[in-house]
Amino acid sequence: MQGYLLKKSEKNKKWKSLYFVFIVDGSLESIRMQGYLLKKSEKNKKWKSLYFVFIVDGTDTHLCFYDNPKRTKPKGLIDLACAYLYPVHDSVFNRPFCFQIVERALPCLANTTYLSSDYAETTQDWISALRPHCVPQMTRSPKMAKVRELRCLSLHLMDAHRLPSKLVPSPFCVISLNQVKVARTKVKSGPDPVFDEEFLLE
């Protein structure tokens, strides 16, 4: 159990709002993972280092973020109950080890948060911890229960032809899954651009 409470000691006259976590047997049961990640929204161009705490409390699953571990009030949180987790290819931001969480509280409303770390292992640890608590992107048919699923897409983008140069002077391709941007090609020129790029999306 966790939440905000007003705290006051005998010596102090003022009450102070603090965030409390109920500890059972000496462990923080609800905190599954915590650490620094780089965060970026769709509107902001810059990445910002923030401290993230992944909290599971019964059926409630939230990813809270703070300026630093000493802060008691989060800057914001992501509700994983209505969130989808997608990969982000290096080509999108020219940065490796990224992933994104897309909140869809309503079908017509989506909020995307991009996250990144400096190491592949760290990013994979976060993805492995968060993915089971996000909305599944596909369900397995009961009749196909014994079929092994390979959640990996290999895409080879070759070229394009007869593009209108006046309308598309610097063509490039954006790759999306379920209307979520996951990769992009390099910018080319001319009406018949040759991309010849391969993407491996896991």
C-alpha atoms as a PDB file:
ATOM      1  CA  MET A   1       0.000   0.000   0.000  1.00  0.00           C
ATOM      2  CA  GLN A   2       1.233   3.516  -0.735  1.00  0.00           C
ATOM      3  CA  GLY A   3       0.008   7.073  -0.969  1.00  0.00           C
ATOM      4  CA  TYR A   4       0.332  10.598   0.336  1.00  0.00           C
ATOM      5  CA  LEU A   5      -0.150  11.401   4.021  1.00  0.00           C
ATOM      6  CA  LEU A   6       0.339  14.513   6.093  1.00  0.00           C
ATOM      7  CA  LYS A   7       3.157  14.029   8.617  1.00  0.00           C
ATOM      8  CA  LYS A   8       3.940  15.994  11.782  1.00  0.00           C
ATOM      9  CA  SER A   9       6.294  15.376  14.683  1.00  0.00           C
ATOM     10  CA  GLU A  10       5.890  16.578  18.268  1.00  0.00           C
ATOM     11  CA  LYS A  11       8.503  19.298  17.804  1.00  0.00           C
ATOM     12  CA  ASN A  12       7.233  20.673  14.508  1.00  0.00           C
ATOM     13  CA  LYS A  13       4.087  22.753  14.284  1.00  0.00           C
ATOM     14  CA  LYS A  14       3.576  22.362  10.538  1.00  0.00           C
ATOM     15  CA  TRP A  15       2.218  19.364   8.686  1.00  0.00           C
ATOM     16  CA  LYS A  16       4.166  18.132   5.654  1.00  0.00           C
ATOM     17  CA  SER A  17       2.819  16.096   2.723  1.00  0.00           C
ATOM     18  CA  LEU A  18       4.956  12.980   2.116  1.00  0.00           C
ATOM     19  CA  TYR A  19       4.626   9.861  -0.013  1.00  0.00           C
ATOM     20  CA  PHE A  20       4.527   6.693   2.109  1.00  0.00           C
ATOM     21  CA  VAL A  21       5.155   3.067   1.065  1.00  0.00           C
ATOM     22  CA  PHE A  22       3.979   0.233   3.346  1.00  0.00           C
ATOM     23  CA  ILE A  23       6.891  -2.172   3.949  1.00  0.00           C
ATOM     24  CA  VAL A  24       6.191  -5.886   4.492  1.00  0.00           C
ATOM     25  CA  ASP A  25       8.901  -8.178   5.876  1.00  0.00           C
ATOM     26  CA  GLY A  26      11.561  -5.598   5.173  1.00  0.00           C
ATOM     27  CA  SER A  27      10.889  -5.407   1.405  1.00  0.00           C
ATOM     28  CA  LEU A  28       9.169  -2.886  -0.797  1.00  0.00           C
ATOM     29  CA  GLU A  29       6.544  -5.242  -2.189  1.00  0.00           C
ATOM     30  CA  SER A  30       4.994  -2.842  -4.666  1.00  0.00           C
ATOM     31  CA  ILE A  31       8.201  -1.469  -6.212  1.00  0.00           C
ATOM     32  CA  ARG A  32       9.255  -3.858  -8.988  1.00  0.00           C
ATOM     33  CA  MET A  33      12.018  -1.796 -10.579  1.00  0.00           C
ATOM     34  CA  GLN A  34      13.595   1.644 -10.334  1.00  0.00           C
ATOM     35  CA  GLY A  35      16.410   3.640 -11.891  1.00  0.00           C
ATOM     36  CA  TYR A  36      17.324   6.446 -14.249  1.00  0.00           C
ATOM     37  CA  LEU A  37      16.059   6.565 -17.830  1.00  0.00           C
ATOM     38  CA  LEU A  38      16.059   9.216 -20.534  1.00  0.00           C
ATOM     39  CA  LYS A  39      12.564  10.460 -21.330  1.00  0.00           C
ATOM     40  CA  LYS A  40      11.179  12.308 -24.326  1.00  0.00           C
ATOM     41  CA  SER A  41       7.640  13.175 -25.400  1.00  0.00           C
ATOM     42  CA  GLU A  42       6.326  13.706 -28.919  1.00  0.00           C
ATOM     43  CA  LYS A  43       6.313  17.485 -28.460  1.00  0.00           C
ATOM     44  CA  ASN A  44       9.768  17.862 -26.885  1.00  0.00           C
ATOM     45  CA  LYS A  45      12.928  17.488 -28.948  1.00  0.00           C
ATOM     46  CA  LYS A  46      15.289  17.080 -25.995  1.00  0.00           C
ATOM     47  CA  TRP A  47      15.801  13.989 -23.863  1.00  0.00           C
ATOM     48  CA  LYS A  48      15.713  14.457 -20.087  1.00  0.00           C
ATOM     49  CA  SER A  49      17.194  12.183 -17.443  1.00  0.00           C
ATOM     50  CA  LEU A  50      14.565  11.240 -14.839  1.00  0.00           C
ATOM     51  CA  TYR A  51      14.283   8.685 -12.068  1.00  0.00           C
ATOM     52  CA  PHE A  52      11.622   6.035 -12.784  1.00  0.00           C
ATOM     53  CA  VAL A  53       9.844   3.776 -10.310  1.00  0.00           C
ATOM     54  CA  PHE A  54       7.711   0.864 -11.530  1.00  0.00           C
ATOM     55  CA  ILE A  55       4.948   0.234  -8.975  1.00  0.00           C
ATOM     56  CA  VAL A  56       2.552  -2.706  -8.865  1.00  0.00           C
ATOM     57  CA  ASP A  57      -0.157  -2.463  -6.215  1.00  0.00           C
ATOM     58  CA  GLY A  58      -2.783  -5.153  -6.716  1.00  0.00           C
ATOM     59  CA  THR A  59      -4.392  -4.436 -10.077  1.00  0.00           C
ATOM     60  CA  ASP A  60      -2.887  -0.939 -10.260  1.00  0.00           C
ATOM     61  CA  THR A  61       0.313  -0.670 -12.284  1.00  0.00           C
ATOM     62  CA  HIS A  62       2.043   2.683 -12.686  1.00  0.00           C
ATOM     63  CA  LEU A  63       5.373   3.915 -13.958  1.00  0.00           C
ATOM     64  CA  CYS A  64       6.155   7.055 -11.949  1.00  0.00           C
ATOM     65  CA  PHE A  65       8.979   9.450 -12.730  1.00  0.00           C
ATOM     66  CA  TYR A  66      10.800  11.952 -10.521  1.00  0.00           C
ATOM     67  CA  ASP A  67      13.518  14.567 -10.907  1.00  0.00           C
ATOM     68  CA  ASN A  68      15.715  12.439  -8.616  1.00  0.00           C
ATOM     69  CA  PRO A  69      15.343   9.633  -6.031  1.00  0.00           C
ATOM     70  CA  LYS A  70      15.112  12.124  -3.152  1.00  0.00           C
ATOM     71  CA  ARG A  71      11.908  13.669  -4.470  1.00  0.00           C
ATOM     72  CA  THR A  72       8.730  12.458  -2.785  1.00  0.00           C
ATOM     73  CA  LYS A  73       6.242  13.841  -5.305  1.00  0.00           C
ATOM     74  CA  PRO A  74       6.381  12.408  -8.844  1.00  0.00           C
ATOM     75  CA  LYS A  75       6.494  14.723 -11.859  1.00  0.00           C
ATOM     76  CA  GLY A  76       4.047  12.395 -13.531  1.00  0.00           C
ATOM     77  CA  LEU A  77       3.017   8.788 -14.044  1.00  0.00           C
ATOM     78  CA  ILE A  78       2.086   6.386 -16.812  1.00  0.00           C
ATOM     79  CA  ASP A  79      -0.904   4.107 -16.274  1.00  0.00           C
ATOM     80  CA  LEU A  80       0.174   0.756 -17.712  1.00  0.00           C
ATOM     81  CA  ALA A  81      -3.372  -0.631 -17.558  1.00  0.00           C
ATOM     82  CA  CYS A  82      -4.200   1.293 -20.761  1.00  0.00           C
ATOM     83  CA  ALA A  83      -0.703   1.381 -22.265  1.00  0.00           C
ATOM     84  CA  TYR A  84       0.971  -0.435 -25.129  1.00  0.00           C
ATOM     85  CA  LEU A  85       4.718  -1.046 -25.339  1.00  0.00           C
ATOM     86  CA  TYR A  86       6.429  -0.775 -28.745  1.00  0.00           C
ATOM     87  CA  PRO A  87      10.038  -0.899 -29.936  1.00  0.00           C
ATOM     88  CA  VAL A  88      11.810   2.152 -31.360  1.00  0.00           C
ATOM     89  CA  HIS A  89      14.388   1.501 -34.061  1.00  0.00           C
ATOM     90  CA  ASP A  90      17.717   3.340 -33.901  1.00  0.00           C
ATOM     91  CA  SER A  91      16.746   5.172 -37.099  1.00  0.00           C
ATOM     92  CA  VAL A  92      13.965   7.196 -35.459  1.00  0.00           C
ATOM     93  CA  PHE A  93      16.174   9.324 -33.184  1.00  0.00           C
ATOM     94  CA  ASN A  94      19.653   8.170 -34.250  1.00  0.00           C
ATOM     95  CA  ARG A  95      19.880   6.740 -30.746  1.00  0.00           C
ATOM     96  CA  PRO A  96      20.057   3.059 -29.706  1.00  0.00           C
ATOM     97  CA  PHE A  97      18.334   1.269 -26.835  1.00  0.00           C
ATOM     98  CA  CYS A  98      14.958   3.060 -27.060  1.00  0.00           C
ATOM     99  CA  PHE A  99      11.376   1.942 -26.571  1.00  0.00           C
ATOM    100  CA  GLN A 100       8.023   3.701 -26.300  1.00  0.00           C
ATOM    101  CA  ILE A 101       4.899   3.458 -24.196  1.00  0.00           C
ATOM    102  CA  VAL A 102       1.630   4.549 -25.819  1.00  0.00           C
ATOM    103  CA  GLU A 103      -1.233   5.321 -23.441  1.00  0.00           C
ATOM    104  CA  ARG A 104      -4.695   4.955 -24.979  1.00  0.00           C
ATOM    105  CA  ALA A 105      -7.211   5.949 -22.328  1.00  0.00           C
ATOM    106  CA  LEU A 106      -9.633   6.522 -25.223  1.00  0.00           C
ATOM    107  CA  PRO A 107      -9.465   5.040 -28.740  1.00  0.00           C
ATOM    108  CA  CYS A 108      -9.167   8.533 -30.233  1.00  0.00           C
ATOM    109  CA  LEU A 109      -6.632   9.802 -27.699  1.00  0.00           C
ATOM    110  CA  ALA A 110      -3.034   8.584 -27.453  1.00  0.00           C
ATOM    111  CA  ASN A 111      -0.090   9.850 -25.456  1.00  0.00           C
ATOM    112  CA  THR A 112       3.372   8.582 -26.421  1.00  0.00           C
ATOM    113  CA  THR A 113       6.385   8.546 -24.112  1.00  0.00           C
ATOM    114  CA  TYR A 114       9.801   7.619 -25.481  1.00  0.00           C
ATOM    115  CA  LEU A 115      12.316   6.062 -23.093  1.00  0.00           C
ATOM    116  CA  SER A 116      15.984   5.215 -23.511  1.00  0.00           C
ATOM    117  CA  SER A 117      19.053   4.116 -21.561  1.00  0.00           C
ATOM    118  CA  ASP A 118      22.782   3.967 -22.216  1.00  0.00           C
ATOM    119  CA  TYR A 119      22.949   0.175 -22.261  1.00  0.00           C
ATOM    120  CA  ALA A 120      21.098  -2.541 -24.160  1.00  0.00           C
ATOM    121  CA  GLU A 121      20.835  -4.710 -21.029  1.00  0.00           C
ATOM    122  CA  THR A 122      19.184  -1.922 -19.033  1.00  0.00           C
ATOM    123  CA  THR A 123      16.627  -1.234 -21.754  1.00  0.00           C
ATOM    124  CA  GLN A 124      15.837  -4.937 -22.102  1.00  0.00           C
ATOM    125  CA  ASP A 125      15.404  -5.303 -18.329  1.00  0.00           C
ATOM    126  CA  TRP A 126      12.860  -2.465 -18.304  1.00  0.00           C
ATOM    127  CA  ILE A 127      11.012  -3.887 -21.310  1.00  0.00           C
ATOM    128  CA  SER A 128      10.877  -7.356 -19.729  1.00  0.00           C
ATOM    129  CA  ALA A 129       9.526  -5.900 -16.473  1.00  0.00           C
ATOM    130  CA  LEU A 130       6.929  -3.608 -18.056  1.00  0.00           C
ATOM    131  CA  ARG A 131       5.614  -5.617 -21.015  1.00  0.00           C
ATOM    132  CA  PRO A 132       3.619  -8.220 -18.992  1.00  0.00           C
ATOM    133  CA  HIS A 133       1.717  -5.369 -17.313  1.00  0.00           C
ATOM    134  CA  CYS A 134       0.891  -3.489 -20.530  1.00  0.00           C
ATOM    135  CA  VAL A 135      -2.053  -4.187 -22.812  1.00  0.00           C
ATOM    136  CA  PRO A 136      -1.259  -7.227 -25.003  1.00  0.00           C
ATOM    137  CA  GLN A 137      -1.029  -6.380 -28.706  1.00  0.00           C
ATOM    138  CA  MET A 138      -2.210  -9.769 -29.898  1.00  0.00           C
ATOM    139  CA  THR A 139      -3.970 -12.769 -28.414  1.00  0.00           C
ATOM    140  CA  ARG A 140      -3.240 -16.379 -29.162  1.00  0.00           C
ATOM    141  CA  SER A 141      -6.037 -18.559 -30.513  1.00  0.00           C
ATOM    142  CA  PRO A 142      -6.818 -21.594 -28.271  1.00  0.00           C
ATOM    143  CA  LYS A 143      -6.468 -23.865 -31.302  1.00  0.00           C
ATOM    144  CA  MET A 144      -2.928 -22.582 -31.886  1.00  0.00           C
ATOM    145  CA  ALA A 145      -1.740 -22.944 -28.282  1.00  0.00           C
ATOM    146  CA  LYS A 146       1.194 -25.195 -29.249  1.00  0.00           C
ATOM    147  CA  VAL A 147       2.433 -22.933 -32.030  1.00  0.00           C
ATOM    148  CA  ARG A 148       5.574 -21.007 -31.154  1.00  0.00           C
ATOM    149  CA  GLU A 149       5.300 -17.253 -31.632  1.00  0.00           C
ATOM    150  CA  LEU A 150       8.260 -15.313 -32.984  1.00  0.00           C
ATOM    151  CA  ARG A 151       7.605 -11.664 -32.189  1.00  0.00           C
ATOM    152  CA  CYS A 152      10.093 -10.312 -34.676  1.00  0.00           C
ATOM    153  CA  LEU A 153       9.617  -8.514 -37.982  1.00  0.00           C
ATOM    154  CA  SER A 154      12.370  -8.310 -40.593  1.00  0.00           C
ATOM    155  CA  LEU A 155      11.719  -5.646 -43.218  1.00  0.00           C
ATOM    156  CA  HIS A 156      13.826  -4.788 -46.269  1.00  0.00           C
ATOM    157  CA  LEU A 157      12.796  -1.522 -47.917  1.00  0.00           C
ATOM    158  CA  MET A 158      14.088  -1.327 -51.479  1.00  0.00           C
ATOM    159  CA  ASP A 159      13.056   1.729 -53.524  1.00  0.00           C
ATOM    160  CA  ALA A 160      10.267   3.949 -54.813  1.00  0.00           C
ATOM    161  CA  HIS A 161       9.365   5.114 -58.319  1.00  0.00           C
ATOM    162  CA  ARG A 162       7.862   8.155 -59.996  1.00  0.00           C
ATOM    163  CA  LEU A 163       7.435  10.291 -56.922  1.00  0.00           C
ATOM    164  CA  PRO A 164       6.235  13.857 -57.582  1.00  0.00           C
ATOM    165  CA  SER A 165       9.425  15.853 -56.942  1.00  0.00           C
ATOM    166  CA  LYS A 166       7.576  19.114 -56.289  1.00  0.00           C
ATOM    167  CA  LEU A 167       5.402  17.534 -53.611  1.00  0.00           C
ATOM    168  CA  VAL A 168       8.091  15.226 -52.195  1.00  0.00           C
ATOM    169  CA  PRO A 169      11.497  16.872 -52.726  1.00  0.00           C
ATOM    170  CA  SER A 170      13.194  14.903 -49.914  1.00  0.00           C
ATOM    171  CA  PRO A 171      11.447  11.538 -49.651  1.00  0.00           C
ATOM    172  CA  PHE A 172      11.781   9.137 -46.737  1.00  0.00           C
ATOM    173  CA  CYS A 173       9.632   6.313 -45.383  1.00  0.00           C
ATOM    174  CA  VAL A 174       8.106   5.948 -41.932  1.00  0.00           C
ATOM    175  CA  ILE A 175       7.353   2.448 -40.647  1.00  0.00           C
ATOM    176  CA  SER A 176       4.410   2.145 -38.271  1.00  0.00           C
ATOM    177  CA  LEU A 177       2.824  -0.706 -36.337  1.00  0.00           C
ATOM    178  CA  ASN A 178      -0.811  -0.150 -35.338  1.00  0.00           C
ATOM    179  CA  GLN A 179      -0.412   3.531 -36.301  1.00  0.00           C
ATOM    180  CA  VAL A 180       2.619   3.842 -33.986  1.00  0.00           C
ATOM    181  CA  LYS A 181       5.886   5.065 -35.514  1.00  0.00           C
ATOM    182  CA  VAL A 182       8.669   2.536 -34.905  1.00  0.00           C
ATOM    183  CA  ALA A 183      11.280   3.248 -37.605  1.00  0.00           C
ATOM    184  CA  ARG A 184      12.199   5.478 -40.544  1.00  0.00           C
ATOM    185  CA  THR A 185      14.560   5.493 -43.487  1.00  0.00           C
ATOM    186  CA  LYS A 186      17.216   8.034 -44.345  1.00  0.00           C
ATOM    187  CA  VAL A 187      16.187  11.049 -46.404  1.00  0.00           C
ATOM    188  CA  LYS A 188      16.799  10.663 -50.148  1.00  0.00           C
ATOM    189  CA  SER A 189      16.306  12.850 -53.216  1.00  0.00           C
ATOM    190  CA  GLY A 190      14.881  12.499 -56.706  1.00  0.00           C
ATOM    191  CA  PRO A 191      11.716  10.888 -58.077  1.00  0.00           C
ATOM    192  CA  ASP A 192      13.171   7.344 -57.953  1.00  0.00           C
ATOM    193  CA  PRO A 193      14.931   7.049 -54.565  1.00  0.00           C
ATOM    194  CA  VAL A 194      16.790   3.862 -53.646  1.00  0.00           C
ATOM    195  CA  PHE A 195      16.606   3.163 -49.919  1.00  0.00           C
ATOM    196  CA  ASP A 196      17.956  -0.391 -49.632  1.00  0.00           C
ATOM    197  CA  GLU A 197      17.615  -0.432 -45.836  1.00  0.00           C
ATOM    198  CA  GLU A 198      16.882  -3.354 -43.546  1.00  0.00           C
ATOM    199  CA  PHE A 199      14.973  -3.151 -40.251  1.00  0.00           C
ATOM    200  CA  LEU A 200      14.712  -5.794 -37.564  1.00  0.00           C
ATOM    201  CA  LEU A 201      11.838  -5.018 -35.196  1.00  0.00           C
ATOM    202  CA  GLU A 202      11.579  -7.167 -32.088  1.00  0.00           C
END
